[in-house]
All heavy atoms as atom14 arrays in JSON, in Angstrom:
{
  "sequence": "YDEVRDIFGKETLSDIVDHTETWLYDSAKQNNIEYTPSLEVVPFDEI",
  "atom14_mask": [
    [1, 1, 1, 1, 1, 1, 1, 1, 1, 1, 1, 1, 0, 0],
    [1, 1, 1, 1, 1, 1, 1, 1, 0, 0, 0, 0, 0, 0],
    [1, 1, 1, 1, 1, 1, 1, 1, 1, 0, 0, 0, 0, 0],
    [1, 1, 1, 1, 1, 1, 1, 0, 0, 0, 0, 0, 0, 0],
    [1, 1, 1, 1, 1, 1, 1, 1, 1, 1, 1, 0, 0, 0],
    [1, 1, 1, 1, 1, 1, 1, 1, 0, 0, 0, 0, 0, 0],
    [1, 1, 1, 1, 1, 1, 1, 1, 0, 0, 0, 0, 0, 0],
    [1, 1, 1, 1, 1, 1, 1, 1, 1, 1, 1, 0, 0, 0],
    [1, 1, 1, 1, 0, 0, 0, 0, 0, 0, 0, 0, 0, 0],
    [1, 1, 1, 1, 1, 1, 1, 1, 1, 0, 0, 0, 0, 0],
    [1, 1, 1, 1, 1, 1, 1, 1, 1, 0, 0, 0, 0, 0],
    [1, 1, 1, 1, 1, 1, 1, 0, 0, 0, 0, 0, 0, 0],
    [1, 1, 1, 1, 1, 1, 1, 1, 0, 0, 0, 0, 0, 0],
    [1, 1, 1, 1, 1, 1, 0, 0, 0, 0, 0, 0, 0, 0],
    [1, 1, 1, 1, 1, 1, 1, 1, 0, 0, 0, 0, 0, 0],
    [1, 1, 1, 1, 1, 1, 1, 1, 0, 0, 0, 0, 0, 0],
    [1, 1, 1, 1, 1, 1, 1, 0, 0, 0, 0, 0, 0, 0],
    [1, 1, 1, 1, 1, 1, 1, 1, 0, 0, 0, 0, 0, 0],
    [1, 1, 1, 1, 1, 1, 1, 1, 1, 1, 0, 0, 0, 0],
    [1, 1, 1, 1, 1, 1, 1, 0, 0, 0, 0, 0, 0, 0],
    [1, 1, 1, 1, 1, 1, 1, 1, 1, 0, 0, 0, 0, 0],
    [1, 1, 1, 1, 1, 1, 1, 0, 0, 0, 0, 0, 0, 0],
    [1, 1, 1, 1, 1, 1, 1, 1, 1, 1, 1, 1, 1, 1],
    [1, 1, 1, 1, 1, 1, 1, 1, 0, 0, 0, 0, 0, 0],
    [1, 1, 1, 1, 1, 1, 1, 1, 1, 1, 1, 1, 0, 0],
    [1, 1, 1, 1, 1, 1, 1, 1, 0, 0, 0, 0, 0, 0],
    [1, 1, 1, 1, 1, 1, 0, 0, 0, 0, 0, 0, 0, 0],
    [1, 1, 1, 1, 1, 0, 0, 0, 0, 0, 0, 0, 0, 0],
    [1, 1, 1, 1, 1, 1, 1, 1, 1, 0, 0, 0, 0, 0],
    [1, 1, 1, 1, 1, 1, 1, 1, 1, 0, 0, 0, 0, 0],
    [1, 1, 1, 1, 1, 1, 1, 1, 0, 0, 0, 0, 0, 0],
    [1, 1, 1, 1, 1, 1, 1, 1, 0, 0, 0, 0, 0, 0],
    [1, 1, 1, 1, 1, 1, 1, 1, 0, 0, 0, 0, 0, 0],
    [1, 1, 1, 1, 1, 1, 1, 1, 1, 0, 0, 0, 0, 0],
    [1, 1, 1, 1, 1, 1, 1, 1, 1, 1, 1, 1, 0, 0],
    [1, 1, 1, 1, 1, 1, 1, 0, 0, 0, 0, 0, 0, 0],
    [1, 1, 1, 1, 1, 1, 1, 0, 0, 0, 0, 0, 0, 0],
    [1, 1, 1, 1, 1, 1, 0, 0, 0, 0, 0, 0, 0, 0],
    [1, 1, 1, 1, 1, 1, 1, 1, 0, 0, 0, 0, 0, 0],
    [1, 1, 1, 1, 1, 1, 1, 1, 1, 0, 0, 0, 0, 0],
    [1, 1, 1, 1, 1, 1, 1, 0, 0, 0, 0, 0, 0, 0],
    [1, 1, 1, 1, 1, 1, 1, 0, 0, 0, 0, 0, 0, 0],
    [1, 1, 1, 1, 1, 1, 1, 0, 0, 0, 0, 0, 0, 0],
    [1, 1, 1, 1, 1, 1, 1, 1, 1, 1, 1, 0, 0, 0],
    [1, 1, 1, 1, 1, 1, 1, 1, 0, 0, 0, 0, 0, 0],
    [1, 1, 1, 1, 1, 1, 1, 1, 1, 0, 0, 0, 0, 0],
    [1, 1, 1, 1, 1, 1, 1, 1, 0, 0, 0, 0, 0, 0]
  ],
  "atom14_positions": [
    [[13.98, -67.95, -89.87], [13.61, -66.97, -88.85], [14.85, -66.38, -88.2], [14.97, -65.16, -88.05], [12.76, -67.6, -87.75], [11.37, -68.04, -88.11], [10.7, -68.95, -87.31], [10.69, -67.55, -89.23], [9.41, -69.37, -87.59], [9.4, -67.96, -89.53], [8.77, -68.87, -88.71], [7.49, -69.27, -88.98], [0.0, 0.0, 0.0], [0.0, 0.0, 0.0]],
    [[15.76, -67.24, -87.76], [16.96, -66.77, -87.07], [17.82, -65.9, -87.97], [18.36, -64.88, -87.52], [17.79, -67.95, -86.54], [17.12, -68.65, -85.36], [16.25, -68.04, -84.72], [17.48, -69.81, -85.1], [0.0, 0.0, 0.0], [0.0, 0.0, 0.0], [0.0, 0.0, 0.0], [0.0, 0.0, 0.0], [0.0, 0.0, 0.0], [0.0, 0.0, 0.0]],
    [[17.96, -66.27, -89.23], [18.77, -65.47, -90.15], [18.14, -64.1, -90.38], [18.84, -63.08, -90.42], [18.94, -66.21, -91.48], [19.82, -67.44, -91.36], [19.79, -68.32, -92.6], [18.74, -68.41, -93.28], [20.83, -68.95, -92.88], [0.0, 0.0, 0.0], [0.0, 0.0, 0.0], [0.0, 0.0, 0.0], [0.0, 0.0, 0.0], [0.0, 0.0, 0.0]],
    [[16.81, -64.06, -90.52], [16.12, -62.78, -90.69], [16.33, -61.91, -89.45], [16.65, -60.72, -89.57], [14.61, -62.99, -90.98], [13.84, -61.68, -90.87], [14.4, -63.61, -92.35], [0.0, 0.0, 0.0], [0.0, 0.0, 0.0], [0.0, 0.0, 0.0], [0.0, 0.0, 0.0], [0.0, 0.0, 0.0], [0.0, 0.0, 0.0], [0.0, 0.0, 0.0]],
    [[16.18, -62.48, -88.27], [16.38, -61.69, -87.04], [17.83, -61.23, -86.89], [18.08, -60.14, -86.41], [15.96, -62.49, -85.82], [14.45, -62.52, -85.67], [14.02, -63.04, -84.31], [12.57, -63.05, -84.23], [11.84, -64.16, -84.09], [12.41, -65.33, -84.02], [10.53, -64.07, -84.03], [0.0, 0.0, 0.0], [0.0, 0.0, 0.0], [0.0, 0.0, 0.0]],
    [[18.78, -62.07, -87.32], [20.19, -61.65, -87.26], [20.43, -60.44, -88.15], [21.21, -59.56, -87.81], [21.12, -62.79, -87.7], [21.27, -63.86, -86.63], [20.89, -63.62, -85.46], [21.76, -64.95, -86.98], [0.0, 0.0, 0.0], [0.0, 0.0, 0.0], [0.0, 0.0, 0.0], [0.0, 0.0, 0.0], [0.0, 0.0, 0.0], [0.0, 0.0, 0.0]],
    [[19.76, -60.38, -89.29], [19.98, -59.29, -90.26], [19.12, -58.07, -89.93], [19.62, -56.94, -89.89], [19.67, -59.78, -91.69], [20.69, -60.85, -92.1], [19.66, -58.62, -92.68], [20.3, -61.61, -93.36], [0.0, 0.0, 0.0], [0.0, 0.0, 0.0], [0.0, 0.0, 0.0], [0.0, 0.0, 0.0], [0.0, 0.0, 0.0], [0.0, 0.0, 0.0]],
    [[17.83, -58.27, -89.71], [16.88, -57.16, -89.58], [16.55, -56.8, -88.13], [15.96, -55.77, -87.87], [15.59, -57.48, -90.33], [15.77, -57.57, -91.82], [16.0, -58.78, -92.43], [15.74, -56.42, -92.6], [16.17, -58.87, -93.81], [15.92, -56.49, -93.98], [16.14, -57.72, -94.57], [0.0, 0.0, 0.0], [0.0, 0.0, 0.0], [0.0, 0.0, 0.0]],
    [[16.9, -57.65, -87.19], [16.56, -57.41, -85.8], [15.23, -58.04, -85.43], [14.65, -58.81, -86.17], [0.0, 0.0, 0.0], [0.0, 0.0, 0.0], [0.0, 0.0, 0.0], [0.0, 0.0, 0.0], [0.0, 0.0, 0.0], [0.0, 0.0, 0.0], [0.0, 0.0, 0.0], [0.0, 0.0, 0.0], [0.0, 0.0, 0.0], [0.0, 0.0, 0.0]],
    [[14.75, -57.69, -84.25], [13.47, -58.2, -83.75], [12.33, -57.47, -84.45], [12.32, -56.25, -84.54], [13.4, -57.98, -82.23], [12.09, -58.33, -81.6], [12.03, -59.79, -81.23], [10.8, -60.12, -80.41], [9.68, -60.58, -81.15], [0.0, 0.0, 0.0], [0.0, 0.0, 0.0], [0.0, 0.0, 0.0], [0.0, 0.0, 0.0], [0.0, 0.0, 0.0]],
    [[11.38, -58.23, -84.93], [10.23, -57.66, -85.62], [9.35, -56.86, -84.67], [9.3, -57.13, -83.47], [9.41, -58.77, -86.31], [8.73, -59.73, -85.37], [9.62, -60.89, -84.87], [10.84, -60.9, -85.13], [9.08, -61.77, -84.19], [0.0, 0.0, 0.0], [0.0, 0.0, 0.0], [0.0, 0.0, 0.0], [0.0, 0.0, 0.0], [0.0, 0.0, 0.0]],
    [[8.65, -55.87, -85.22], [7.71, -55.05, -84.46], [6.45, -55.83, -84.12], [5.89, -55.72, -83.04], [7.32, -53.79, -85.28], [8.5, -53.06, -85.58], [6.33, -52.91, -84.55], [0.0, 0.0, 0.0], [0.0, 0.0, 0.0], [0.0, 0.0, 0.0], [0.0, 0.0, 0.0], [0.0, 0.0, 0.0], [0.0, 0.0, 0.0], [0.0, 0.0, 0.0]],
    [[6.02, -56.65, -85.08], [4.75, -57.37, -84.96], [4.85, -58.62, -85.82], [5.48, -58.58, -86.89], [3.62, -56.46, -85.45], [2.18, -56.94, -85.41], [1.73, -57.17, -83.97], [1.27, -55.9, -86.07], [0.0, 0.0, 0.0], [0.0, 0.0, 0.0], [0.0, 0.0, 0.0], [0.0, 0.0, 0.0], [0.0, 0.0, 0.0], [0.0, 0.0, 0.0]],
    [[4.23, -59.7, -85.39], [4.17, -60.91, -86.22], [2.88, -61.65, -85.93], [2.37, -61.62, -84.81], [5.37, -61.82, -85.98], [5.37, -62.28, -84.66], [0.0, 0.0, 0.0], [0.0, 0.0, 0.0], [0.0, 0.0, 0.0], [0.0, 0.0, 0.0], [0.0, 0.0, 0.0], [0.0, 0.0, 0.0], [0.0, 0.0, 0.0], [0.0, 0.0, 0.0]],
    [[2.35, -62.28, -86.97], [1.12, -63.04, -86.83], [0.87, -63.79, -88.14], [1.62, -63.63, -89.11], [-0.06, -62.13, -86.52], [-1.19, -62.84, -85.77], [-1.18, -64.1, -85.69], [-2.09, -62.16, -85.26], [0.0, 0.0, 0.0], [0.0, 0.0, 0.0], [0.0, 0.0, 0.0], [0.0, 0.0, 0.0], [0.0, 0.0, 0.0], [0.0, 0.0, 0.0]],
    [[-0.2, -64.55, -88.16], [-0.62, -65.26, -89.36], [-1.64, -64.39, -90.08], [-2.64, -63.97, -89.49], [-1.26, -66.63, -89.03], [-0.32, -67.48, -88.18], [-1.69, -67.35, -90.29], [0.95, -67.89, -88.85], [0.0, 0.0, 0.0], [0.0, 0.0, 0.0], [0.0, 0.0, 0.0], [0.0, 0.0, 0.0], [0.0, 0.0, 0.0], [0.0, 0.0, 0.0]],
    [[-1.39, -64.09, -91.36], [-2.31, -63.31, -92.19], [-2.56, -64.12, -93.46], [-1.61, -64.45, -94.17], [-1.73, -61.93, -92.54], [-2.68, -61.16, -93.44], [-1.41, -61.13, -91.29], [0.0, 0.0, 0.0], [0.0, 0.0, 0.0], [0.0, 0.0, 0.0], [0.0, 0.0, 0.0], [0.0, 0.0, 0.0], [0.0, 0.0, 0.0], [0.0, 0.0, 0.0]],
    [[-3.83, -64.43, -93.72], [-4.18, -65.24, -94.89], [-3.34, -66.52, -94.96], [-2.75, -66.86, -95.99], [-4.02, -64.44, -96.19], [-4.97, -63.27, -96.27], [-6.09, -63.37, -95.71], [-4.62, -62.26, -96.88], [0.0, 0.0, 0.0], [0.0, 0.0, 0.0], [0.0, 0.0, 0.0], [0.0, 0.0, 0.0], [0.0, 0.0, 0.0], [0.0, 0.0, 0.0]],
    [[-3.27, -67.22, -93.85], [-2.56, -68.5, -93.73], [-1.06, -68.39, -93.95], [-0.39, -69.37, -94.28], [-3.15, -69.55, -94.7], [-4.63, -69.68, -94.6], [-5.27, -70.24, -93.52], [-5.62, -69.29, -95.44], [-6.57, -70.21, -93.7], [-6.82, -69.63, -94.85], [0.0, 0.0, 0.0], [0.0, 0.0, 0.0], [0.0, 0.0, 0.0], [0.0, 0.0, 0.0]],
    [[-0.51, -67.19, -93.83], [0.92, -66.96, -94.04], [1.5, -66.23, -92.85], [0.97, -65.2, -92.43], [1.14, -66.12, -95.32], [0.52, -66.76, -96.43], [2.61, -65.94, -95.61], [0.0, 0.0, 0.0], [0.0, 0.0, 0.0], [0.0, 0.0, 0.0], [0.0, 0.0, 0.0], [0.0, 0.0, 0.0], [0.0, 0.0, 0.0], [0.0, 0.0, 0.0]],
    [[2.62, -66.74, -92.34], [3.32, -66.04, -91.25], [3.88, -64.74, -91.82], [4.57, -64.74, -92.85], [4.45, -66.89, -90.7], [5.28, -66.17, -89.7], [5.18, -66.74, -88.3], [4.76, -67.89, -88.15], [5.52, -66.01, -87.37], [0.0, 0.0, 0.0], [0.0, 0.0, 0.0], [0.0, 0.0, 0.0], [0.0, 0.0, 0.0], [0.0, 0.0, 0.0]],
    [[3.58, -63.63, -91.17], [4.02, -62.31, -91.64], [4.66, -61.56, -90.48], [4.11, -61.53, -89.38], [2.83, -61.5, -92.18], [2.19, -62.26, -93.22], [3.28, -60.16, -92.73], [0.0, 0.0, 0.0], [0.0, 0.0, 0.0], [0.0, 0.0, 0.0], [0.0, 0.0, 0.0], [0.0, 0.0, 0.0], [0.0, 0.0, 0.0], [0.0, 0.0, 0.0]],
    [[5.81, -60.96, -90.78], [6.5, -60.12, -89.8], [6.52, -58.69, -90.31], [6.67, -58.45, -91.5], [7.93, -60.58, -89.6], [8.1, -61.89, -88.91], [7.12, -62.77, -88.54], [9.33, -62.48, -88.52], [7.67, -63.87, -87.94], [9.04, -63.72, -87.92], [10.65, -62.09, -88.62], [10.03, -64.56, -87.42], [11.64, -62.92, -88.13], [11.31, -64.15, -87.52]],
    [[6.42, -57.76, -89.38], [6.46, -56.33, -89.71], [7.63, -55.67, -89.01], [7.87, -55.89, -87.81], [5.16, -55.66, -89.25], [5.13, -54.13, -89.28], [5.11, -53.63, -90.71], [3.95, -53.6, -88.51], [0.0, 0.0, 0.0], [0.0, 0.0, 0.0], [0.0, 0.0, 0.0], [0.0, 0.0, 0.0], [0.0, 0.0, 0.0], [0.0, 0.0, 0.0]],
    [[8.34, -54.84, -89.77], [9.38, -53.96, -89.23], [8.98, -52.54, -89.62], [8.46, -52.33, -90.73], [10.75, -54.27, -89.84], [11.31, -55.61, -89.43], [10.93, -56.76, -90.09], [12.2, -55.69, -88.38], [11.45, -57.99, -89.71], [12.73, -56.92, -88.0], [12.34, -58.07, -88.67], [12.86, -59.28, -88.29], [0.0, 0.0, 0.0], [0.0, 0.0, 0.0]],
    [[9.2, -51.56, -88.74], [8.92, -50.18, -89.11], [9.86, -49.24, -88.36], [10.65, -49.67, -87.53], [7.45, -49.81, -88.87], [7.05, -49.86, -87.4], [7.92, -49.69, -86.52], [5.87, -50.07, -87.13], [0.0, 0.0, 0.0], [0.0, 0.0, 0.0], [0.0, 0.0, 0.0], [0.0, 0.0, 0.0], [0.0, 0.0, 0.0], [0.0, 0.0, 0.0]],
    [[9.76, -47.97, -88.67], [10.66, -46.98, -88.07], [10.01, -46.24, -86.91], [10.49, -45.18, -86.51], [11.1, -45.97, -89.14], [9.96, -45.28, -89.65], [0.0, 0.0, 0.0], [0.0, 0.0, 0.0], [0.0, 0.0, 0.0], [0.0, 0.0, 0.0], [0.0, 0.0, 0.0], [0.0, 0.0, 0.0], [0.0, 0.0, 0.0], [0.0, 0.0, 0.0]],
    [[8.94, -46.77, -86.34], [8.22, -46.07, -85.25], [9.12, -45.8, -84.06], [9.1, -44.71, -83.49], [6.99, -46.87, -84.82], [0.0, 0.0, 0.0], [0.0, 0.0, 0.0], [0.0, 0.0, 0.0], [0.0, 0.0, 0.0], [0.0, 0.0, 0.0], [0.0, 0.0, 0.0], [0.0, 0.0, 0.0], [0.0, 0.0, 0.0], [0.0, 0.0, 0.0]],
    [[9.94, -46.78, -83.66], [10.83, -46.6, -82.51], [11.87, -45.52, -82.78], [12.1, -44.66, -81.95], [11.53, -47.92, -82.19], [11.27, -48.39, -80.78], [12.15, -49.57, -80.45], [11.34, -50.84, -80.55], [12.08, -52.02, -80.14], [0.0, 0.0, 0.0], [0.0, 0.0, 0.0], [0.0, 0.0, 0.0], [0.0, 0.0, 0.0], [0.0, 0.0, 0.0]],
    [[12.5, -45.58, -83.96], [13.52, -44.59, -84.29], [12.92, -43.19, -84.37], [13.56, -42.21, -84.03], [14.21, -44.91, -85.63], [15.04, -46.16, -85.62], [14.29, -47.34, -86.21], [13.09, -47.48, -86.07], [15.0, -48.22, -86.88], [0.0, 0.0, 0.0], [0.0, 0.0, 0.0], [0.0, 0.0, 0.0], [0.0, 0.0, 0.0], [0.0, 0.0, 0.0]],
    [[11.69, -43.08, -84.86], [11.04, -41.79, -85.02], [10.26, -41.38, -83.78], [9.66, -40.31, -83.75], [10.1, -41.8, -86.23], [10.85, -41.94, -87.54], [12.06, -42.13, -87.57], [10.13, -41.85, -88.64], [0.0, 0.0, 0.0], [0.0, 0.0, 0.0], [0.0, 0.0, 0.0], [0.0, 0.0, 0.0], [0.0, 0.0, 0.0], [0.0, 0.0, 0.0]],
    [[10.22, -42.26, -82.78], [9.54, -42.0, -81.52], [8.08, -41.59, -81.73], [7.62, -40.59, -81.2], [10.3, -40.93, -80.71], [9.9, -40.97, -79.25], [9.5, -42.02, -78.74], [10.01, -39.83, -78.59], [0.0, 0.0, 0.0], [0.0, 0.0, 0.0], [0.0, 0.0, 0.0], [0.0, 0.0, 0.0], [0.0, 0.0, 0.0], [0.0, 0.0, 0.0]],
    [[7.38, -42.4, -82.55], [5.95, -42.13, -82.75], [5.14, -43.32, -82.23], [5.65, -44.43, -82.14], [5.57, -41.87, -84.23], [5.71, -43.14, -85.07], [6.37, -40.76, -84.81], [4.88, -43.13, -86.31], [0.0, 0.0, 0.0], [0.0, 0.0, 0.0], [0.0, 0.0, 0.0], [0.0, 0.0, 0.0], [0.0, 0.0, 0.0], [0.0, 0.0, 0.0]],
    [[3.91, -43.03, -81.91], [2.98, -44.08, -81.51], [1.89, -44.16, -82.56], [1.33, -43.14, -82.96], [2.39, -43.78, -80.14], [3.39, -43.97, -79.02], [2.72, -43.9, -77.66], [1.54, -44.26, -77.54], [3.41, -43.47, -76.72], [0.0, 0.0, 0.0], [0.0, 0.0, 0.0], [0.0, 0.0, 0.0], [0.0, 0.0, 0.0], [0.0, 0.0, 0.0]],
    [[1.63, -45.35, -83.01], [0.52, -45.63, -83.91], [0.19, -47.11, -83.73], [0.91, -47.83, -83.05], [0.9, -45.3, -85.36], [1.7, -46.36, -86.07], [1.16, -47.11, -87.1], [3.01, -46.63, -85.69], [1.9, -48.09, -87.72], [3.76, -47.61, -86.31], [3.19, -48.34, -87.33], [3.92, -49.32, -87.95], [0.0, 0.0, 0.0], [0.0, 0.0, 0.0]],
    [[-0.88, -47.55, -84.31], [-1.26, -48.96, -84.18], [-0.78, -49.71, -85.42], [-1.35, -49.56, -86.51], [-2.79, -49.08, -84.05], [-3.21, -48.29, -82.93], [-3.19, -50.52, -83.83], [0.0, 0.0, 0.0], [0.0, 0.0, 0.0], [0.0, 0.0, 0.0], [0.0, 0.0, 0.0], [0.0, 0.0, 0.0], [0.0, 0.0, 0.0], [0.0, 0.0, 0.0]],
    [[0.32, -50.48, -85.28], [0.81, -51.22, -86.44], [-0.16, -52.32, -86.84], [-0.87, -52.87, -85.99], [2.15, -51.79, -85.97], [2.08, -51.8, -84.49], [1.13, -50.71, -84.1], [0.0, 0.0, 0.0], [0.0, 0.0, 0.0], [0.0, 0.0, 0.0], [0.0, 0.0, 0.0], [0.0, 0.0, 0.0], [0.0, 0.0, 0.0], [0.0, 0.0, 0.0]],
    [[-0.21, -52.61, -88.12], [-1.11, -53.63, -88.64], [-0.4, -54.46, -89.69], [0.42, -53.94, -90.46], [-2.33, -52.96, -89.27], [-3.12, -53.9, -89.96], [0.0, 0.0, 0.0], [0.0, 0.0, 0.0], [0.0, 0.0, 0.0], [0.0, 0.0, 0.0], [0.0, 0.0, 0.0], [0.0, 0.0, 0.0], [0.0, 0.0, 0.0], [0.0, 0.0, 0.0]],
    [[-0.73, -55.73, -89.73], [-0.19, -56.61, -90.77], [-1.1, -56.64, -91.99], [-0.77, -57.26, -92.99], [-0.01, -58.03, -90.21], [1.02, -58.16, -89.1], [0.99, -59.56, -88.51], [2.41, -57.82, -89.62], [0.0, 0.0, 0.0], [0.0, 0.0, 0.0], [0.0, 0.0, 0.0], [0.0, 0.0, 0.0], [0.0, 0.0, 0.0], [0.0, 0.0, 0.0]],
    [[-2.21, -55.94, -91.92], [-3.18, -55.98, -93.01], [-3.33, -54.66, -93.74], [-3.9, -54.62, -94.83], [-4.53, -56.45, -92.47], [-4.45, -57.86, -91.91], [-5.77, -58.36, -91.38], [-6.82, -57.76, -91.7], [-5.76, -59.35, -90.65], [0.0, 0.0, 0.0], [0.0, 0.0, 0.0], [0.0, 0.0, 0.0], [0.0, 0.0, 0.0], [0.0, 0.0, 0.0]],
    [[-2.83, -53.55, -93.16], [-3.0, -52.24, -93.76], [-1.69, -51.46, -93.68], [-1.1, -51.34, -92.61], [-4.11, -51.43, -93.03], [-4.26, -50.06, -93.64], [-5.42, -52.18, -93.06], [0.0, 0.0, 0.0], [0.0, 0.0, 0.0], [0.0, 0.0, 0.0], [0.0, 0.0, 0.0], [0.0, 0.0, 0.0], [0.0, 0.0, 0.0], [0.0, 0.0, 0.0]],
    [[-1.24, -50.94, -94.82], [-0.06, -50.09, -94.85], [-0.5, -48.68, -94.48], [-1.44, -48.14, -95.06], [0.58, -50.09, -96.26], [1.76, -49.13, -96.32], [1.03, -51.49, -96.64], [0.0, 0.0, 0.0], [0.0, 0.0, 0.0], [0.0, 0.0, 0.0], [0.0, 0.0, 0.0], [0.0, 0.0, 0.0], [0.0, 0.0, 0.0], [0.0, 0.0, 0.0]],
    [[0.16, -48.04, -93.51], [-0.23, -46.69, -93.08], [0.32, -45.62, -94.03], [1.27, -44.91, -93.73], [0.4, -46.58, -91.69], [1.62, -47.43, -91.78], [1.26, -48.56, -92.7], [0.0, 0.0, 0.0], [0.0, 0.0, 0.0], [0.0, 0.0, 0.0], [0.0, 0.0, 0.0], [0.0, 0.0, 0.0], [0.0, 0.0, 0.0], [0.0, 0.0, 0.0]],
    [[-0.32, -45.51, -95.19], [0.15, -44.58, -96.22], [0.31, -43.16, -95.71], [1.29, -42.49, -96.02], [-0.79, -44.6, -97.43], [-0.72, -45.87, -98.23], [-1.72, -46.82, -98.15], [0.35, -46.11, -99.08], [-1.65, -47.99, -98.89], [0.43, -47.27, -99.83], [-0.57, -48.22, -99.73], [0.0, 0.0, 0.0], [0.0, 0.0, 0.0], [0.0, 0.0, 0.0]],
    [[-0.67, -42.67, -94.92], [-0.61, -41.29, -94.43], [0.61, -41.04, -93.54], [1.27, -40.01, -93.67], [-1.89, -40.91, -93.69], [-3.09, -40.78, -94.62], [-2.87, -40.59, -95.84], [-4.23, -40.86, -94.13], [0.0, 0.0, 0.0], [0.0, 0.0, 0.0], [0.0, 0.0, 0.0], [0.0, 0.0, 0.0], [0.0, 0.0, 0.0], [0.0, 0.0, 0.0]],
    [[0.91, -42.01, -92.66], [2.07, -41.85, -91.77], [3.38, -41.83, -92.56], [4.33, -41.14, -92.19], [2.1, -42.96, -90.71], [1.13, -42.76, -89.57], [-0.29, -43.23, -89.89], [-0.58, -43.63, -91.04], [-1.14, -43.18, -88.97], [0.0, 0.0, 0.0], [0.0, 0.0, 0.0], [0.0, 0.0, 0.0], [0.0, 0.0, 0.0], [0.0, 0.0, 0.0]],
    [[3.44, -42.6, -93.63], [4.64, -42.61, -94.48], [4.72, -41.32, -95.29], [5.77, -40.68, -95.36], [4.68, -43.86, -95.38], [4.81, -45.13, -94.52], [5.83, -43.77, -96.38], [4.66, -46.43, -95.27], [0.0, 0.0, 0.0], [0.0, 0.0, 0.0], [0.0, 0.0, 0.0], [0.0, 0.0, 0.0], [0.0, 0.0, 0.0], [0.0, 0.0, 0.0]]
  ]
}
């Protein structure tokens, strides 16, 4: 965890999905957009 945060920074969102710890990083802050991030659905349209 610490090594990932040292390299990638603080995750946008984290939780358990299908019994697996999952972290999400995205460009929402850099692009100054608001959307509802999800660990279960990739926002294809926004990309």
